[in-house]
Amino acid sequence: MRFLDEDEELNPIVSAVNLIDVFLVIIAALLISIAQNPLNVFSTDNVTVVKNAGKPNMEVIVKEGKEIKQYKSTGDIGSGEGARAGVAYRMADGSFVYVPEGQEANASANSSEKNLK
């Protein structure tokens, strides 16, 4: 019996098997954490994640089905390209009325007046 005990102490495979068991537990924990991630590619849930909300380096990550889109903030608040197209008014009943401005609005108003006559 004493011979078998000494053989197990000298056998390097026994310690390697223990290391493999530890690595298998670590890999299983990593797979579980990947599966529970809300941006998991394999799930079909719709998810929106906002990173650094309200900061100049804010990011919005939108996952719809299997498609993931990432939007990064430029840090400029209230800026963009375009022109003022009109004015919107909130009525007493809560509805909105849009009134266009500019030459297009005058042309459409004139044409609608002609159609009424």
C-alpha atoms as a PDB file:
ATOM      1  CA  MET A   1       0.000   0.000   0.000  1.00  0.00           C
ATOM      2  CA  ARG A   2       2.781   2.394   0.792  1.00  0.00           C
ATOM      3  CA  PHE A   3       4.053   2.051  -2.757  1.00  0.00           C
ATOM      4  CA  LEU A   4       0.806   3.417  -4.265  1.00  0.00           C
ATOM      5  CA  ASP A   5       0.788   6.478  -1.964  1.00  0.00           C
ATOM      6  CA  GLU A   6       4.304   7.471  -3.027  1.00  0.00           C
ATOM      7  CA  ASP A   7       3.414   7.011  -6.690  1.00  0.00           C
ATOM      8  CA  GLU A   8       0.506   9.484  -6.425  1.00  0.00           C
ATOM      9  CA  GLU A   9       2.716  12.108  -4.778  1.00  0.00           C
ATOM     10  CA  LEU A  10       5.293  11.951  -7.566  1.00  0.00           C
ATOM     11  CA  ASN A  11       2.794  11.831 -10.424  1.00  0.00           C
ATOM     12  CA  PRO A  12       2.598  15.311 -12.095  1.00  0.00           C
ATOM     13  CA  ILE A  13      -0.657  14.429 -13.861  1.00  0.00           C
ATOM     14  CA  VAL A  14      -2.589  14.687 -10.572  1.00  0.00           C
ATOM     15  CA  SER A  15      -1.735  18.402 -10.194  1.00  0.00           C
ATOM     16  CA  ALA A  16      -2.460  19.033 -13.895  1.00  0.00           C
ATOM     17  CA  VAL A  17      -5.920  17.484 -13.512  1.00  0.00           C
ATOM     18  CA  ASN A  18      -6.615  19.843 -10.614  1.00  0.00           C
ATOM     19  CA  LEU A  19      -5.590  22.841 -12.770  1.00  0.00           C
ATOM     20  CA  ILE A  20      -7.873  21.673 -15.577  1.00  0.00           C
ATOM     21  CA  ASP A  21     -10.774  21.497 -13.107  1.00  0.00           C
ATOM     22  CA  VAL A  22     -10.091  25.068 -11.972  1.00  0.00           C
ATOM     23  CA  PHE A  23      -9.978  26.312 -15.578  1.00  0.00           C
ATOM     24  CA  LEU A  24     -13.252  24.524 -16.392  1.00  0.00           C
ATOM     25  CA  VAL A  25     -14.957  26.324 -13.490  1.00  0.00           C
ATOM     26  CA  ILE A  26     -13.576  29.682 -14.696  1.00  0.00           C
ATOM     27  CA  ILE A  27     -14.730  29.021 -18.271  1.00  0.00           C
ATOM     28  CA  ALA A  28     -18.215  28.045 -17.053  1.00  0.00           C
ATOM     29  CA  ALA A  29     -18.463  31.294 -15.041  1.00  0.00           C
ATOM     30  CA  LEU A  30     -17.420  33.341 -18.090  1.00  0.00           C
ATOM     31  CA  LEU A  31     -19.984  31.606 -20.318  1.00  0.00           C
ATOM     32  CA  ILE A  32     -22.740  32.283 -17.791  1.00  0.00           C
ATOM     33  CA  SER A  33     -21.795  35.975 -17.612  1.00  0.00           C
ATOM     34  CA  ILE A  34     -21.788  36.234 -21.424  1.00  0.00           C
ATOM     35  CA  ALA A  35     -25.206  34.575 -21.633  1.00  0.00           C
ATOM     36  CA  GLN A  36     -26.675  37.040 -19.107  1.00  0.00           C
ATOM     37  CA  ASN A  37     -25.298  40.118 -20.905  1.00  0.00           C
ATOM     38  CA  PRO A  38     -28.199  42.294 -22.184  1.00  0.00           C
ATOM     39  CA  LEU A  39     -26.379  42.862 -25.491  1.00  0.00           C
ATOM     40  CA  ASN A  40     -26.019  39.134 -26.117  1.00  0.00           C
ATOM     41  CA  VAL A  41     -26.011  38.510 -29.867  1.00  0.00           C
ATOM     42  CA  PHE A  42     -27.897  35.234 -29.512  1.00  0.00           C
ATOM     43  CA  SER A  43     -30.996  36.738 -27.874  1.00  0.00           C
ATOM     44  CA  THR A  44     -33.717  38.491 -29.870  1.00  0.00           C
ATOM     45  CA  ASP A  45     -34.616  41.064 -27.179  1.00  0.00           C
ATOM     46  CA  ASN A  46     -34.660  44.786 -28.020  1.00  0.00           C
ATOM     47  CA  VAL A  47     -32.242  46.584 -25.687  1.00  0.00           C
ATOM     48  CA  THR A  48     -31.049  50.207 -25.373  1.00  0.00           C
ATOM     49  CA  VAL A  49     -27.973  50.978 -23.284  1.00  0.00           C
ATOM     50  CA  VAL A  50     -26.853  54.543 -22.471  1.00  0.00           C
ATOM     51  CA  LYS A  51     -23.234  54.936 -21.368  1.00  0.00           C
ATOM     52  CA  ASN A  52     -22.062  58.135 -19.620  1.00  0.00           C
ATOM     53  CA  ALA A  53     -25.524  59.722 -19.732  1.00  0.00           C
ATOM     54  CA  GLY A  54     -25.461  63.520 -19.984  1.00  0.00           C
ATOM     55  CA  LYS A  55     -21.699  63.707 -20.468  1.00  0.00           C
ATOM     56  CA  PRO A  56     -19.922  64.953 -23.615  1.00  0.00           C
ATOM     57  CA  ASN A  57     -18.683  61.402 -24.383  1.00  0.00           C
ATOM     58  CA  MET A  58     -22.139  59.809 -24.087  1.00  0.00           C
ATOM     59  CA  GLU A  59     -22.844  56.669 -26.132  1.00  0.00           C
ATOM     60  CA  VAL A  60     -26.155  55.018 -26.953  1.00  0.00           C
ATOM     61  CA  ILE A  61     -26.121  51.360 -27.967  1.00  0.00           C
ATOM     62  CA  VAL A  62     -29.346  50.062 -29.523  1.00  0.00           C
ATOM     63  CA  LYS A  63     -29.920  46.356 -30.150  1.00  0.00           C
ATOM     64  CA  GLU A  64     -32.964  45.454 -32.240  1.00  0.00           C
ATOM     65  CA  GLY A  65     -33.189  41.731 -32.795  1.00  0.00           C
ATOM     66  CA  LYS A  66     -29.704  40.698 -33.876  1.00  0.00           C
ATOM     67  CA  GLU A  67     -28.674  44.124 -35.206  1.00  0.00           C
ATOM     68  CA  ILE A  68     -26.570  46.380 -32.951  1.00  0.00           C
ATOM     69  CA  LYS A  69     -26.111  50.102 -33.658  1.00  0.00           C
ATOM     70  CA  GLN A  70     -23.831  52.427 -31.715  1.00  0.00           C
ATOM     71  CA  TYR A  71     -24.314  56.183 -31.588  1.00  0.00           C
ATOM     72  CA  LYS A  72     -21.619  58.459 -30.137  1.00  0.00           C
ATOM     73  CA  SER A  73     -22.168  62.000 -28.943  1.00  0.00           C
ATOM     74  CA  THR A  74     -20.106  64.792 -30.446  1.00  0.00           C
ATOM     75  CA  GLY A  75     -20.374  66.808 -27.238  1.00  0.00           C
ATOM     76  CA  ASP A  76     -22.169  69.689 -28.974  1.00  0.00           C
ATOM     77  CA  ILE A  77     -25.565  70.299 -27.423  1.00  0.00           C
ATOM     78  CA  GLY A  78     -28.303  71.779 -29.577  1.00  0.00           C
ATOM     79  CA  SER A  79     -26.224  71.965 -32.712  1.00  0.00           C
ATOM     80  CA  GLY A  80     -26.732  70.449 -36.109  1.00  0.00           C
ATOM     81  CA  GLU A  81     -27.280  71.155 -39.750  1.00  0.00           C
ATOM     82  CA  GLY A  82     -30.581  72.371 -41.092  1.00  0.00           C
ATOM     83  CA  ALA A  83     -32.885  75.347 -41.253  1.00  0.00           C
ATOM     84  CA  ARG A  84     -35.937  76.384 -39.315  1.00  0.00           C
ATOM     85  CA  ALA A  85     -38.969  74.971 -41.073  1.00  0.00           C
ATOM     86  CA  GLY A  86     -41.816  76.395 -39.023  1.00  0.00           C
ATOM     87  CA  VAL A  87     -43.375  76.746 -35.618  1.00  0.00           C
ATOM     88  CA  ALA A  88     -45.378  74.245 -33.577  1.00  0.00           C
ATOM     89  CA  TYR A  89     -48.091  75.375 -31.160  1.00  0.00           C
ATOM     90  CA  ARG A  90     -49.726  73.343 -28.382  1.00  0.00           C
ATOM     91  CA  MET A  91     -53.464  73.867 -28.293  1.00  0.00           C
ATOM     92  CA  ALA A  92     -55.657  73.911 -25.155  1.00  0.00           C
ATOM     93  CA  ASP A  93     -56.798  70.317 -25.794  1.00  0.00           C
ATOM     94  CA  GLY A  94     -53.169  69.094 -25.878  1.00  0.00           C
ATOM     95  CA  SER A  95     -52.894  68.666 -29.640  1.00  0.00           C
ATOM     96  CA  PHE A  96     -50.161  70.295 -31.715  1.00  0.00           C
ATOM     97  CA  VAL A  97     -50.495  72.512 -34.776  1.00  0.00           C
ATOM     98  CA  TYR A  98     -47.554  72.971 -37.121  1.00  0.00           C
ATOM     99  CA  VAL A  99     -47.326  76.236 -39.057  1.00  0.00           C
ATOM    100  CA  PRO A 100     -44.692  76.214 -41.838  1.00  0.00           C
ATOM    101  CA  GLU A 101     -42.558  79.310 -42.480  1.00  0.00           C
ATOM    102  CA  GLY A 102     -40.803  80.776 -45.494  1.00  0.00           C
ATOM    103  CA  GLN A 103     -41.483  80.910 -49.204  1.00  0.00           C
ATOM    104  CA  GLU A 104     -42.822  77.365 -49.345  1.00  0.00           C
ATOM    105  CA  ALA A 105     -45.440  78.261 -46.723  1.00  0.00           C
ATOM    106  CA  ASN A 106     -46.529  81.372 -48.626  1.00  0.00           C
ATOM    107  CA  ALA A 107     -46.767  79.444 -51.886  1.00  0.00           C
ATOM    108  CA  SER A 108     -48.852  76.677 -50.290  1.00  0.00           C
ATOM    109  CA  ALA A 109     -51.099  79.256 -48.566  1.00  0.00           C
ATOM    110  CA  ASN A 110     -51.669  81.090 -51.865  1.00  0.00           C
ATOM    111  CA  SER A 111     -52.462  77.859 -53.709  1.00  0.00           C
ATOM    112  CA  SER A 112     -54.888  76.760 -50.988  1.00  0.00           C
ATOM    113  CA  GLU A 113     -56.626  80.159 -51.165  1.00  0.00           C
ATOM    114  CA  LYS A 114     -57.020  79.786 -54.955  1.00  0.00           C
ATOM    115  CA  ASN A 115     -58.488  76.322 -54.482  1.00  0.00           C
ATOM    116  CA  LEU A 116     -61.060  77.658 -52.005  1.00  0.00           C
ATOM    117  CA  LYS A 117     -62.334  80.348 -54.434  1.00  0.00           C
END
